[in-house]
Amino acid sequence: MRPGVFSDAGRRRRAAAVPDPYAQTAYPHPHHHRRARWQIWGACGFGQTIFSCDPATGEHWNSGVVCDQGGEVYGMAFAADRLFLSAYSGGDHVVYDPTQPWDQVTNQNPKTLTSVGPDLIRPETRSVIGPVGNFWTGWMARYGVYGGGLSRVDVHTGDVTAWADPIPGQSLIGLSADDRYLYFTTGGKANGLPDKVDTFHFVVWDPARGEVYRHRFARGQKLGRVLAVDGCVLVCVDSSIHIFNRHEMDWQATVALDDPCGELVALPNGRALLFAGPRAWTLDPIGGELVHVADLPGPAYTATVSDGQVYFAHLTELYRISK
């Protein structure tokens, strides 16, 4: 079902749409505002702005630029009643309070926090809320360098901590979290360089201790997104899903797909929804059962679940998968 179009024509929606648990103050004019409940937030490739929308009515709001340097938003998540963002190309972390007036010019709202640039510039993994509620992002290194890093924003103080090259010479590609760990994959993508063929990794990261587990995949295997769900971690590897058991710290199954998985989200019933090529599937991470649930208009690379409904973006359009 197509509830509406909420981005400029010709731009691909890149940053993950996220459900908004709060009311949002929209400012369609500098001297006028109104209260509205906006369920979905997101951003567009090359856009330097963010948007929010109400899928039930088609109402939407688009911001101004979010920061001074670049501002192409890849990652976003709500924490401590505010929306935290990660942006290319300055390696910026930005925080926005939707209940307050927009004032980016004086860096009041949104406010740019400490950057991880110029060494880290592209938040390739997007961003997640970690085990103790902080905002985490996986990065790709600056132009002309193979490498990456991990950053954490303390959502209460705004302090930023970064770890450069947790796997030397490899960028971070996918990132997820549960109540105890973060999980990330690495790859050979780089800014301004050809993709590197190498042996890439899946890593379990403890916020207090750092790396606690590392698995190296075979040379040439391409790793993608990851998703922590129901005590397991789903790892996209070529056209398959490898299932990792967090409690046993070991692999428990591999599920083959027809196409590489571009996005995956956790469902309220403990299953995962996979977007692979022109089809969507549910996967039981414990039993490994894969069920086809929908044909898609094309590949989807960002999705979210809000009030039990699944929304995903394809090119400039936002879709809902009916229950």
C-alpha atoms as a PDB file:
ATOM      1  CA  MET A   1       0.000   0.000   0.000  1.00  0.00           C
ATOM      2  CA  ARG A   2       1.344   3.409  -0.920  1.00  0.00           C
ATOM      3  CA  PRO A   3       0.552   6.050   1.709  1.00  0.00           C
ATOM      4  CA  GLY A   4       2.372   8.893  -0.013  1.00  0.00           C
ATOM      5  CA  VAL A   5       5.593  10.398  -1.334  1.00  0.00           C
ATOM      6  CA  PHE A   6       7.705  12.304   1.143  1.00  0.00           C
ATOM      7  CA  SER A   7      10.949  13.267  -0.584  1.00  0.00           C
ATOM      8  CA  ASP A   8      12.072  15.299  -3.560  1.00  0.00           C
ATOM      9  CA  ALA A   9      11.742  13.604  -6.941  1.00  0.00           C
ATOM     10  CA  GLY A  10      14.902  11.905  -8.159  1.00  0.00           C
ATOM     11  CA  ARG A  11      16.503  11.441  -4.748  1.00  0.00           C
ATOM     12  CA  ARG A  12      16.938   8.091  -3.114  1.00  0.00           C
ATOM     13  CA  ARG A  13      15.983   7.797   0.532  1.00  0.00           C
ATOM     14  CA  ARG A  14      19.093   6.580   2.353  1.00  0.00           C
ATOM     15  CA  ALA A  15      18.832   7.238   6.076  1.00  0.00           C
ATOM     16  CA  ALA A  16      16.653   4.785   7.929  1.00  0.00           C
ATOM     17  CA  ALA A  17      13.159   5.994   8.642  1.00  0.00           C
ATOM     18  CA  VAL A  18      12.547   5.735  12.373  1.00  0.00           C
ATOM     19  CA  PRO A  19       9.323   5.663  14.370  1.00  0.00           C
ATOM     20  CA  ASP A  20       8.777   8.754  16.495  1.00  0.00           C
ATOM     21  CA  PRO A  21       7.395   8.084  19.974  1.00  0.00           C
ATOM     22  CA  TYR A  22       6.898  11.797  20.586  1.00  0.00           C
ATOM     23  CA  ALA A  23       4.836  14.663  19.237  1.00  0.00           C
ATOM     24  CA  GLN A  24       6.665  16.922  16.809  1.00  0.00           C
ATOM     25  CA  THR A  25       6.416  20.663  16.418  1.00  0.00           C
ATOM     26  CA  ALA A  26       6.284  21.526  12.717  1.00  0.00           C
ATOM     27  CA  TYR A  27       7.432  24.929  11.518  1.00  0.00           C
ATOM     28  CA  PRO A  28       6.034  25.515   8.022  1.00  0.00           C
ATOM     29  CA  HIS A  29       6.681  29.232   8.482  1.00  0.00           C
ATOM     30  CA  PRO A  30       9.193  30.972  10.751  1.00  0.00           C
ATOM     31  CA  HIS A  31       6.420  32.696  12.720  1.00  0.00           C
ATOM     32  CA  HIS A  32       3.883  29.899  12.866  1.00  0.00           C
ATOM     33  CA  HIS A  33       3.861  26.460  14.407  1.00  0.00           C
ATOM     34  CA  ARG A  34       1.383  23.712  15.141  1.00  0.00           C
ATOM     35  CA  ARG A  35       1.456  20.448  17.061  1.00  0.00           C
ATOM     36  CA  ALA A  36       1.181  17.174  15.165  1.00  0.00           C
ATOM     37  CA  ARG A  37       2.071  13.534  15.710  1.00  0.00           C
ATOM     38  CA  TRP A  38       4.611  12.419  13.125  1.00  0.00           C
ATOM     39  CA  GLN A  39       5.312   8.687  13.061  1.00  0.00           C
ATOM     40  CA  ILE A  40       8.063   8.376  10.465  1.00  0.00           C
ATOM     41  CA  TRP A  41      11.353  10.254  10.226  1.00  0.00           C
ATOM     42  CA  GLY A  42      14.003   9.955   7.547  1.00  0.00           C
ATOM     43  CA  ALA A  43      16.408  11.651   5.161  1.00  0.00           C
ATOM     44  CA  CYS A  44      17.297  11.609   1.476  1.00  0.00           C
ATOM     45  CA  GLY A  45      20.535  10.867  -0.311  1.00  0.00           C
ATOM     46  CA  PHE A  46      22.343  14.143  -1.165  1.00  0.00           C
ATOM     47  CA  GLY A  47      19.602  15.992   0.740  1.00  0.00           C
ATOM     48  CA  GLN A  48      21.394  17.499   3.795  1.00  0.00           C
ATOM     49  CA  THR A  49      17.968  17.697   5.470  1.00  0.00           C
ATOM     50  CA  ILE A  50      15.575  15.506   7.437  1.00  0.00           C
ATOM     51  CA  PHE A  51      11.832  14.975   7.137  1.00  0.00           C
ATOM     52  CA  SER A  52       8.947  13.627   9.169  1.00  0.00           C
ATOM     53  CA  CYS A  53       5.542  12.474   8.026  1.00  0.00           C
ATOM     54  CA  ASP A  54       2.219  11.073   9.107  1.00  0.00           C
ATOM     55  CA  PRO A  55       1.468   8.093   6.832  1.00  0.00           C
ATOM     56  CA  ALA A  56      -2.221   8.180   7.768  1.00  0.00           C
ATOM     57  CA  THR A  57      -2.774  11.659   6.333  1.00  0.00           C
ATOM     58  CA  GLY A  58       0.188  12.258   4.036  1.00  0.00           C
ATOM     59  CA  GLU A  59       1.173  15.361   6.019  1.00  0.00           C
ATOM     60  CA  HIS A  60       4.907  15.933   6.072  1.00  0.00           C
ATOM     61  CA  TRP A  61       7.584  18.382   7.129  1.00  0.00           C
ATOM     62  CA  ASN A  62      11.056  19.015   5.679  1.00  0.00           C
ATOM     63  CA  SER A  63      13.836  20.699   7.602  1.00  0.00           C
ATOM     64  CA  GLY A  64      16.565  23.059   6.559  1.00  0.00           C
ATOM     65  CA  VAL A  65      20.174  21.882   6.406  1.00  0.00           C
ATOM     66  CA  VAL A  66      21.139  20.031   9.589  1.00  0.00           C
ATOM     67  CA  CYS A  67      24.751  21.190   9.925  1.00  0.00           C
ATOM     68  CA  ASP A  68      27.348  23.416   8.270  1.00  0.00           C
ATOM     69  CA  GLN A  69      29.640  20.798   6.764  1.00  0.00           C
ATOM     70  CA  GLY A  70      27.954  18.419   4.352  1.00  0.00           C
ATOM     71  CA  GLY A  71      25.018  17.238   6.419  1.00  0.00           C
ATOM     72  CA  GLU A  72      23.918  14.238   4.346  1.00  0.00           C
ATOM     73  CA  VAL A  73      22.188  12.232   7.061  1.00  0.00           C
ATOM     74  CA  TYR A  74      22.724   8.472   7.088  1.00  0.00           C
ATOM     75  CA  GLY A  75      21.849   7.531  10.668  1.00  0.00           C
ATOM     76  CA  MET A  76      19.166   8.669  13.096  1.00  0.00           C
ATOM     77  CA  ALA A  77      17.590   7.436  16.307  1.00  0.00           C
ATOM     78  CA  PHE A  78      15.572   8.856  19.168  1.00  0.00           C
ATOM     79  CA  ALA A  79      17.078   8.898  22.664  1.00  0.00           C
ATOM     80  CA  ALA A  80      16.478  11.076  25.735  1.00  0.00           C
ATOM     81  CA  ASP A  81      13.510  12.748  23.980  1.00  0.00           C
ATOM     82  CA  ARG A  82      15.674  14.005  21.117  1.00  0.00           C
ATOM     83  CA  LEU A  83      16.617  12.894  17.628  1.00  0.00           C
ATOM     84  CA  PHE A  84      20.316  12.084  17.161  1.00  0.00           C
ATOM     85  CA  LEU A  85      21.818  12.124  13.664  1.00  0.00           C
ATOM     86  CA  SER A  86      25.062  11.056  11.972  1.00  0.00           C
ATOM     87  CA  ALA A  87      26.090  12.790   8.766  1.00  0.00           C
ATOM     88  CA  TYR A  88      28.520  12.732   5.836  1.00  0.00           C
ATOM     89  CA  SER A  89      30.910  14.334   4.868  1.00  0.00           C
ATOM     90  CA  GLY A  90      32.191  16.073   7.966  1.00  0.00           C
ATOM     91  CA  GLY A  91      31.816  13.042  10.212  1.00  0.00           C
ATOM     92  CA  ASP A  92      29.242  14.985  12.184  1.00  0.00           C
ATOM     93  CA  HIS A  93      26.999  14.044  15.101  1.00  0.00           C
ATOM     94  CA  VAL A  94      23.919  16.246  15.419  1.00  0.00           C
ATOM     95  CA  VAL A  95      21.108  16.380  17.980  1.00  0.00           C
ATOM     96  CA  TYR A  96      17.668  17.864  17.373  1.00  0.00           C
ATOM     97  CA  ASP A  97      14.823  18.547  19.819  1.00  0.00           C
ATOM     98  CA  PRO A  98      11.527  18.408  17.850  1.00  0.00           C
ATOM     99  CA  THR A  99       9.648  20.272  20.589  1.00  0.00           C
ATOM    100  CA  GLN A 100      11.808  23.405  20.175  1.00  0.00           C
ATOM    101  CA  PRO A 101      12.081  25.918  17.292  1.00  0.00           C
ATOM    102  CA  TRP A 102      14.484  25.121  14.462  1.00  0.00           C
ATOM    103  CA  ASP A 103      17.621  27.280  14.733  1.00  0.00           C
ATOM    104  CA  GLN A 104      20.519  25.646  12.926  1.00  0.00           C
ATOM    105  CA  VAL A 105      22.178  28.935  11.968  1.00  0.00           C
ATOM    106  CA  THR A 106      23.310  29.623  15.540  1.00  0.00           C
ATOM    107  CA  ASN A 107      23.844  25.906  16.292  1.00  0.00           C
ATOM    108  CA  GLN A 108      21.095  25.862  18.893  1.00  0.00           C
ATOM    109  CA  ASN A 109      18.614  23.346  17.475  1.00  0.00           C
ATOM    110  CA  PRO A 110      19.800  21.218  15.836  1.00  0.00           C
ATOM    111  CA  LYS A 111      23.153  21.327  17.576  1.00  0.00           C
ATOM    112  CA  THR A 112      26.326  19.892  16.058  1.00  0.00           C
ATOM    113  CA  LEU A 113      28.373  17.906  18.554  1.00  0.00           C
ATOM    114  CA  THR A 114      32.007  16.775  18.286  1.00  0.00           C
ATOM    115  CA  SER A 115      32.898  15.443  14.847  1.00  0.00           C
ATOM    116  CA  VAL A 116      34.926  12.316  14.101  1.00  0.00           C
ATOM    117  CA  GLY A 117      36.237  13.975  10.929  1.00  0.00           C
ATOM    118  CA  PRO A 118      38.449  14.447   9.110  1.00  0.00           C
ATOM    119  CA  ASP A 119      39.649  10.870   9.727  1.00  0.00           C
ATOM    120  CA  LEU A 120      36.152   9.338   9.634  1.00  0.00           C
ATOM    121  CA  ILE A 121      33.587  10.914   7.333  1.00  0.00           C
ATOM    122  CA  ARG A 122      30.856   8.546   6.072  1.00  0.00           C
ATOM    123  CA  PRO A 123      28.464   6.866   8.575  1.00  0.00           C
ATOM    124  CA  GLU A 124      28.028   3.830   6.347  1.00  0.00           C
ATOM    125  CA  THR A 125      26.370   1.593   8.959  1.00  0.00           C
ATOM    126  CA  ARG A 126      23.787   4.216   9.891  1.00  0.00           C
ATOM    127  CA  SER A 127      23.238   4.476  13.672  1.00  0.00           C
ATOM    128  CA  VAL A 128      21.722   2.514  16.553  1.00  0.00           C
ATOM    129  CA  ILE A 129      20.925   2.945  20.228  1.00  0.00           C
ATOM    130  CA  GLY A 130      23.302   0.727  22.204  1.00  0.00           C
ATOM    131  CA  PRO A 131      22.926  -1.359  25.388  1.00  0.00           C
ATOM    132  CA  VAL A 132      22.974   1.542  27.874  1.00  0.00           C
ATOM    133  CA  GLY A 133      21.032   3.950  25.687  1.00  0.00           C
ATOM    134  CA  ASN A 134      23.815   5.777  23.878  1.00  0.00           C
ATOM    135  CA  PHE A 135      23.986   6.584  20.152  1.00  0.00           C
ATOM    136  CA  TRP A 136      26.459   4.457  18.148  1.00  0.00           C
ATOM    137  CA  THR A 137      27.633   4.777  14.528  1.00  0.00           C
ATOM    138  CA  GLY A 138      30.007   2.851  12.266  1.00  0.00           C
ATOM    139  CA  TRP A 139      32.109   4.878   9.841  1.00  0.00           C
ATOM    140  CA  MET A 140      34.146   4.785   6.661  1.00  0.00           C
ATOM    141  CA  ALA A 141      37.517   6.579   6.588  1.00  0.00           C
ATOM    142  CA  ARG A 142      38.345   9.801   4.753  1.00  0.00           C
ATOM    143  CA  TYR A 143      38.891   9.946   1.004  1.00  0.00           C
ATOM    144  CA  GLY A 144      41.827   7.964  -0.297  1.00  0.00           C
ATOM    145  CA  VAL A 145      42.135   5.720   2.763  1.00  0.00           C
ATOM    146  CA  TYR A 146      40.893   2.194   3.453  1.00  0.00           C
ATOM    147  CA  GLY A 147      39.594   1.977   6.997  1.00  0.00           C
ATOM    148  CA  GLY A 148      36.817   2.905   9.359  1.00  0.00           C
ATOM    149  CA  GLY A 149      35.787   3.446  12.938  1.00  0.00           C
ATOM    150  CA  LEU A 150      33.123   3.343  15.604  1.00  0.00           C
ATOM    151  CA  SER A 151      31.703   6.261  17.580  1.00  0.00           C
ATOM    152  CA  ARG A 152      29.525   6.684  20.660  1.00  0.00           C
ATOM    153  CA  VAL A 153      27.549   9.744  21.703  1.00  0.00           C
ATOM    154  CA  ASP A 154      26.523   9.992  25.340  1.00  0.00           C
ATOM    155  CA  VAL A 155      22.908  11.070  24.835  1.00  0.00           C
ATOM    156  CA  HIS A 156      22.801  12.892  28.184  1.00  0.00           C
ATOM    157  CA  THR A 157      26.066  14.862  28.060  1.00  0.00           C
ATOM    158  CA  GLY A 158      26.720  15.018  24.310  1.00  0.00           C
ATOM    159  CA  ASP A 159      30.256  13.695  24.807  1.00  0.00           C
ATOM    160  CA  VAL A 160      31.663  11.772  21.832  1.00  0.00           C
ATOM    161  CA  THR A 161      34.096   8.845  21.987  1.00  0.00           C
ATOM    162  CA  ALA A 162      35.605   7.246  18.875  1.00  0.00           C
ATOM    163  CA  TRP A 163      37.570   4.091  18.080  1.00  0.00           C
ATOM    164  CA  ALA A 164      39.611   4.257  14.893  1.00  0.00           C
ATOM    165  CA  ASP A 165      40.181   1.152  12.762  1.00  0.00           C
ATOM    166  CA  PRO A 166      38.816  -1.586  15.051  1.00  0.00           C
ATOM    167  CA  ILE A 167      39.691  -3.849  12.116  1.00  0.00           C
ATOM    168  CA  PRO A 168      42.690  -2.158  10.453  1.00  0.00           C
ATOM    169  CA  GLY A 169      42.148  -1.089   6.861  1.00  0.00           C
ATOM    170  CA  GLN A 170      38.459  -2.068   6.754  1.00  0.00           C
ATOM    171  CA  SER A 171      35.350   0.102   6.824  1.00  0.00           C
ATOM    172  CA  LEU A 172      32.323  -0.674   8.967  1.00  0.00           C
ATOM    173  CA  ILE A 173      29.344  -1.793   6.860  1.00  0.00           C
ATOM    174  CA  GLY A 174      26.569  -3.011   9.172  1.00  0.00           C
ATOM    175  CA  LEU A 175      25.755  -2.243  12.817  1.00  0.00           C
ATOM    176  CA  SER A 176      23.140  -3.480  15.288  1.00  0.00           C
ATOM    177  CA  ALA A 177      22.722  -3.743  19.055  1.00  0.00           C
ATOM    178  CA  ASP A 178      20.780  -5.524  21.773  1.00  0.00           C
ATOM    179  CA  ASP A 179      20.662  -5.146  25.562  1.00  0.00           C
ATOM    180  CA  ARG A 180      24.292  -6.237  26.012  1.00  0.00           C
ATOM    181  CA  TYR A 181      26.433  -5.917  22.886  1.00  0.00           C
ATOM    182  CA  LEU A 182      26.972  -4.143  19.612  1.00  0.00           C
ATOM    183  CA  TYR A 183      27.527  -6.156  16.438  1.00  0.00           C
ATOM    184  CA  PHE A 184      29.189  -4.945  13.267  1.00  0.00           C
ATOM    185  CA  THR A 185      30.476  -6.168   9.931  1.00  0.00           C
ATOM    186  CA  THR A 186      33.416  -4.846   7.944  1.00  0.00           C
ATOM    187  CA  GLY A 187      34.138  -4.478   4.252  1.00  0.00           C
ATOM    188  CA  GLY A 188      36.381  -3.075   1.577  1.00  0.00           C
ATOM    189  CA  LYS A 189      34.351  -0.045   0.539  1.00  0.00           C
ATOM    190  CA  ALA A 190      36.236   3.230   0.628  1.00  0.00           C
ATOM    191  CA  ASN A 191      35.814   6.876  -0.322  1.00  0.00           C
ATOM    192  CA  GLY A 192      37.460   7.621  -3.649  1.00  0.00           C
ATOM    193  CA  LEU A 193      39.039   4.156  -3.972  1.00  0.00           C
ATOM    194  CA  PRO A 194      37.943   0.928  -5.666  1.00  0.00           C
ATOM    195  CA  ASP A 195      36.384  -1.728  -3.432  1.00  0.00           C
ATOM    196  CA  LYS A 196      39.041  -3.889  -1.820  1.00  0.00           C
ATOM    197  CA  VAL A 197      38.859  -7.690  -1.898  1.00  0.00           C
ATOM    198  CA  ASP A 198      39.938  -9.085   1.452  1.00  0.00           C
ATOM    199  CA  THR A 199      38.866 -11.312   4.350  1.00  0.00           C
ATOM    200  CA  PHE A 200      36.174  -9.341   6.177  1.00  0.00           C
ATOM    201  CA  HIS A 201      34.829  -9.705   9.697  1.00  0.00           C
ATOM    202  CA  PHE A 202      31.859  -9.954  11.999  1.00  0.00           C
ATOM    203  CA  VAL A 203      32.599  -8.479  15.439  1.00  0.00           C
ATOM    204  CA  VAL A 204      30.835  -8.536  18.814  1.00  0.00           C
ATOM    205  CA  TRP A 205      31.658  -5.366  20.781  1.00  0.00           C
ATOM    206  CA  ASP A 206      31.099  -4.789  24.503  1.00  0.00           C
ATOM    207  CA  PRO A 207      30.578  -1.057  25.267  1.00  0.00           C
ATOM    208  CA  ALA A 208      32.784  -1.334  28.351  1.00  0.00           C
ATOM    209  CA  ARG A 209      35.476  -3.776  27.168  1.00  0.00           C
ATOM    210  CA  GLY A 210      35.582  -3.422  23.407  1.00  0.00           C
ATOM    211  CA  GLU A 211      35.878  -6.433  21.120  1.00  0.00           C
ATOM    212  CA  VAL A 212      34.871  -9.763  22.692  1.00  0.00           C
ATOM    213  CA  TYR A 213      34.429 -11.910  19.560  1.00  0.00           C
ATOM    214  CA  ARG A 214      35.668 -11.807  15.964  1.00  0.00           C
ATOM    215  CA  HIS A 215      34.885 -14.079  13.030  1.00  0.00           C
ATOM    216  CA  ARG A 216      36.795 -13.833   9.761  1.00  0.00           C
ATOM    217  CA  PHE A 217      34.928 -14.798   6.619  1.00  0.00           C
ATOM    218  CA  ALA A 218      36.492 -16.289   3.489  1.00  0.00           C
ATOM    219  CA  ARG A 219      38.285 -13.971   1.108  1.00  0.00           C
ATOM    220  CA  GLY A 220      35.895 -12.471  -1.425  1.00  0.00           C
ATOM    221  CA  GLN A 221      32.727 -12.899   0.659  1.00  0.00           C
ATOM    222  CA  LYS A 222      30.761  -9.665   0.879  1.00  0.00           C
ATOM    223  CA  LEU A 223      29.210  -8.730   4.219  1.00  0.00           C
ATOM    224  CA  GLY A 224      26.256  -6.383   4.650  1.00  0.00           C
ATOM    225  CA  ARG A 225      23.692  -5.338   7.231  1.00  0.00           C
ATOM    226  CA  VAL A 226      23.276  -7.030  10.611  1.00  0.00           C
ATOM    227  CA  LEU A 227      20.274  -7.321  12.928  1.00  0.00           C
ATOM    228  CA  ALA A 228      20.083  -8.393  16.572  1.00  0.00           C
ATOM    229  CA  VAL A 229      16.750 -10.140  17.243  1.00  0.00           C
ATOM    230  CA  ASP A 230      15.511 -12.616  19.856  1.00  0.00           C
ATOM    231  CA  GLY A 231      18.961 -13.574  21.192  1.00  0.00           C
ATOM    232  CA  CYS A 232      20.406 -14.041  17.702  1.00  0.00           C
ATOM    233  CA  VAL A 233      22.229 -11.861  15.203  1.00  0.00           C
ATOM    234  CA  LEU A 234      21.414 -12.071  11.512  1.00  0.00           C
ATOM    235  CA  VAL A 235      24.371 -11.282   9.274  1.00  0.00           C
ATOM    236  CA  CYS A 236      23.954 -10.611   5.550  1.00  0.00           C
ATOM    237  CA  VAL A 237      26.648 -12.501   3.617  1.00  0.00           C
ATOM    238  CA  ASP A 238      26.387 -12.450  -0.190  1.00  0.00           C
ATOM    239  CA  SER A 239      22.918 -13.917  -0.973  1.00  0.00           C
ATOM    240  CA  SER A 240      22.445 -15.565   2.419  1.00  0.00           C
ATOM    241  CA  ILE A 241      21.772 -14.895   6.086  1.00  0.00           C
ATOM    242  CA  HIS A 242      24.170 -16.336   8.663  1.00  0.00           C
ATOM    243  CA  ILE A 243      22.567 -16.717  12.102  1.00  0.00           C
ATOM    244  CA  PHE A 244      24.781 -16.127  15.145  1.00  0.00           C
ATOM    245  CA  ASN A 245      23.723 -17.215  18.640  1.00  0.00           C
ATOM    246  CA  ARG A 246      24.676 -14.499  21.109  1.00  0.00           C
ATOM    247  CA  HIS A 247      24.449 -16.724  24.189  1.00  0.00           C
ATOM    248  CA  GLU A 248      26.662 -19.479  22.799  1.00  0.00           C
ATOM    249  CA  MET A 249      28.898 -17.091  20.824  1.00  0.00           C
ATOM    250  CA  ASP A 250      28.691 -19.416  17.834  1.00  0.00           C
ATOM    251  CA  TRP A 251      27.002 -19.800  14.473  1.00  0.00           C
ATOM    252  CA  GLN A 252      23.825 -21.850  14.402  1.00  0.00           C
ATOM    253  CA  ALA A 253      22.514 -21.792  10.804  1.00  0.00           C
ATOM    254  CA  THR A 254      22.769 -20.351   7.292  1.00  0.00           C
ATOM    255  CA  VAL A 255      19.699 -19.474   5.237  1.00  0.00           C
ATOM    256  CA  ALA A 256      20.007 -19.063   1.463  1.00  0.00           C
ATOM    257  CA  LEU A 257      18.203 -16.239  -0.374  1.00  0.00           C
ATOM    258  CA  ASP A 258      17.530 -15.590  -4.045  1.00  0.00           C
ATOM    259  CA  ASP A 259      19.088 -12.111  -3.832  1.00  0.00           C
ATOM    260  CA  PRO A 260      21.368 -10.177  -1.456  1.00  0.00           C
ATOM    261  CA  CYS A 261      19.514  -8.675   1.498  1.00  0.00           C
ATOM    262  CA  GLY A 262      19.473  -4.879   1.388  1.00  0.00           C
ATOM    263  CA  GLU A 263      17.677  -4.286   4.681  1.00  0.00           C
ATOM    264  CA  LEU A 264      16.258  -6.206   7.637  1.00  0.00           C
ATOM    265  CA  VAL A 265      14.124  -5.142  10.603  1.00  0.00           C
ATOM    266  CA  ALA A 266      12.901  -6.811  13.793  1.00  0.00           C
ATOM    267  CA  LEU A 267       9.186  -7.559  14.079  1.00  0.00           C
ATOM    268  CA  PRO A 268       7.188  -7.491  17.337  1.00  0.00           C
ATOM    269  CA  ASN A 269       6.721 -11.288  17.193  1.00  0.00           C
ATOM    270  CA  GLY A 270      10.482 -11.961  17.447  1.00  0.00           C
ATOM    271  CA  ARG A 271      10.943 -12.655  13.745  1.00  0.00           C
ATOM    272  CA  ALA A 272      12.844 -10.569  11.231  1.00  0.00           C
ATOM    273  CA  LEU A 273      11.606  -9.060   7.991  1.00  0.00           C
ATOM    274  CA  LEU A 274      14.145  -9.269   5.159  1.00  0.00           C
ATOM    275  CA  PHE A 275      14.167  -7.125   2.010  1.00  0.00           C
ATOM    276  CA  ALA A 276      16.016  -9.071  -0.677  1.00  0.00           C
ATOM    277  CA  GLY A 277      15.755  -7.879  -4.264  1.00  0.00           C
ATOM    278  CA  PRO A 278      12.093  -7.609  -5.326  1.00  0.00           C
ATOM    279  CA  ARG A 279      10.735  -9.663  -2.425  1.00  0.00           C
ATOM    280  CA  ALA A 280      10.184  -9.427   1.333  1.00  0.00           C
ATOM    281  CA  TRP A 281      10.508 -12.447   3.627  1.00  0.00           C
ATOM    282  CA  THR A 282      10.010 -13.218   7.304  1.00  0.00           C
ATOM    283  CA  LEU A 283      12.684 -15.271   9.045  1.00  0.00           C
ATOM    284  CA  ASP A 284      12.409 -17.111  12.343  1.00  0.00           C
ATOM    285  CA  PRO A 285      15.926 -16.698  13.816  1.00  0.00           C
ATOM    286  CA  ILE A 286      15.506 -19.726  16.084  1.00  0.00           C
ATOM    287  CA  GLY A 287      13.943 -22.240  13.691  1.00  0.00           C
ATOM    288  CA  GLY A 288      15.328 -20.795  10.469  1.00  0.00           C
ATOM    289  CA  GLU A 289      11.921 -20.809   8.743  1.00  0.00           C
ATOM    290  CA  LEU A 290      11.814 -18.426   5.760  1.00  0.00           C
ATOM    291  CA  VAL A 291       8.406 -17.264   4.464  1.00  0.00           C
ATOM    292  CA  HIS A 292       7.681 -15.047   1.462  1.00  0.00           C
ATOM    293  CA  VAL A 293       5.300 -12.247   2.522  1.00  0.00           C
ATOM    294  CA  ALA A 294       5.294  -9.621  -0.221  1.00  0.00           C
ATOM    295  CA  ASP A 295       6.477  -8.665  -3.673  1.00  0.00           C
ATOM    296  CA  LEU A 296       8.145  -5.251  -3.729  1.00  0.00           C
ATOM    297  CA  PRO A 297       8.244  -2.477  -6.337  1.00  0.00           C
ATOM    298  CA  GLY A 298      12.044  -2.844  -6.335  1.00  0.00           C
ATOM    299  CA  PRO A 299      14.997  -3.113  -3.944  1.00  0.00           C
ATOM    300  CA  ALA A 300      14.558  -1.540  -0.505  1.00  0.00           C
ATOM    301  CA  TYR A 301      17.480  -0.354   1.597  1.00  0.00           C
ATOM    302  CA  THR A 302      15.692   1.263   4.525  1.00  0.00           C
ATOM    303  CA  ALA A 303      12.678   0.239   6.590  1.00  0.00           C
ATOM    304  CA  THR A 304      11.156   0.606  10.033  1.00  0.00           C
ATOM    305  CA  VAL A 305       8.365  -0.710  12.222  1.00  0.00           C
ATOM    306  CA  SER A 306       5.986   1.803  13.827  1.00  0.00           C
ATOM    307  CA  ASP A 307       2.887   0.852  15.831  1.00  0.00           C
ATOM    308  CA  GLY A 308       3.150  -2.660  14.430  1.00  0.00           C
ATOM    309  CA  GLN A 309       3.193  -1.471  10.803  1.00  0.00           C
ATOM    310  CA  VAL A 310       6.156  -1.986   8.484  1.00  0.00           C
ATOM    311  CA  TYR A 311       7.216   0.945   6.297  1.00  0.00           C
ATOM    312  CA  PHE A 312       9.940   0.872   3.676  1.00  0.00           C
ATOM    313  CA  ALA A 313      11.329   3.212   1.045  1.00  0.00           C
ATOM    314  CA  HIS A 314      11.967   2.507  -2.609  1.00  0.00           C
ATOM    315  CA  LEU A 315      13.544   5.417  -4.472  1.00  0.00           C
ATOM    316  CA  THR A 316      11.423   8.489  -3.628  1.00  0.00           C
ATOM    317  CA  GLU A 317       8.365   6.679  -2.340  1.00  0.00           C
ATOM    318  CA  LEU A 318       7.320   5.424   1.080  1.00  0.00           C
ATOM    319  CA  TYR A 319       5.331   2.174   1.242  1.00  0.00           C
ATOM    320  CA  ARG A 320       3.540   0.211   3.922  1.00  0.00           C
ATOM    321  CA  ILE A 321       3.266  -3.579   4.065  1.00  0.00           C
ATOM    322  CA  SER A 322      -0.227  -4.374   5.292  1.00  0.00           C
ATOM    323  CA  LYS A 323      -0.579  -6.743   8.224  1.00  0.00           C
END
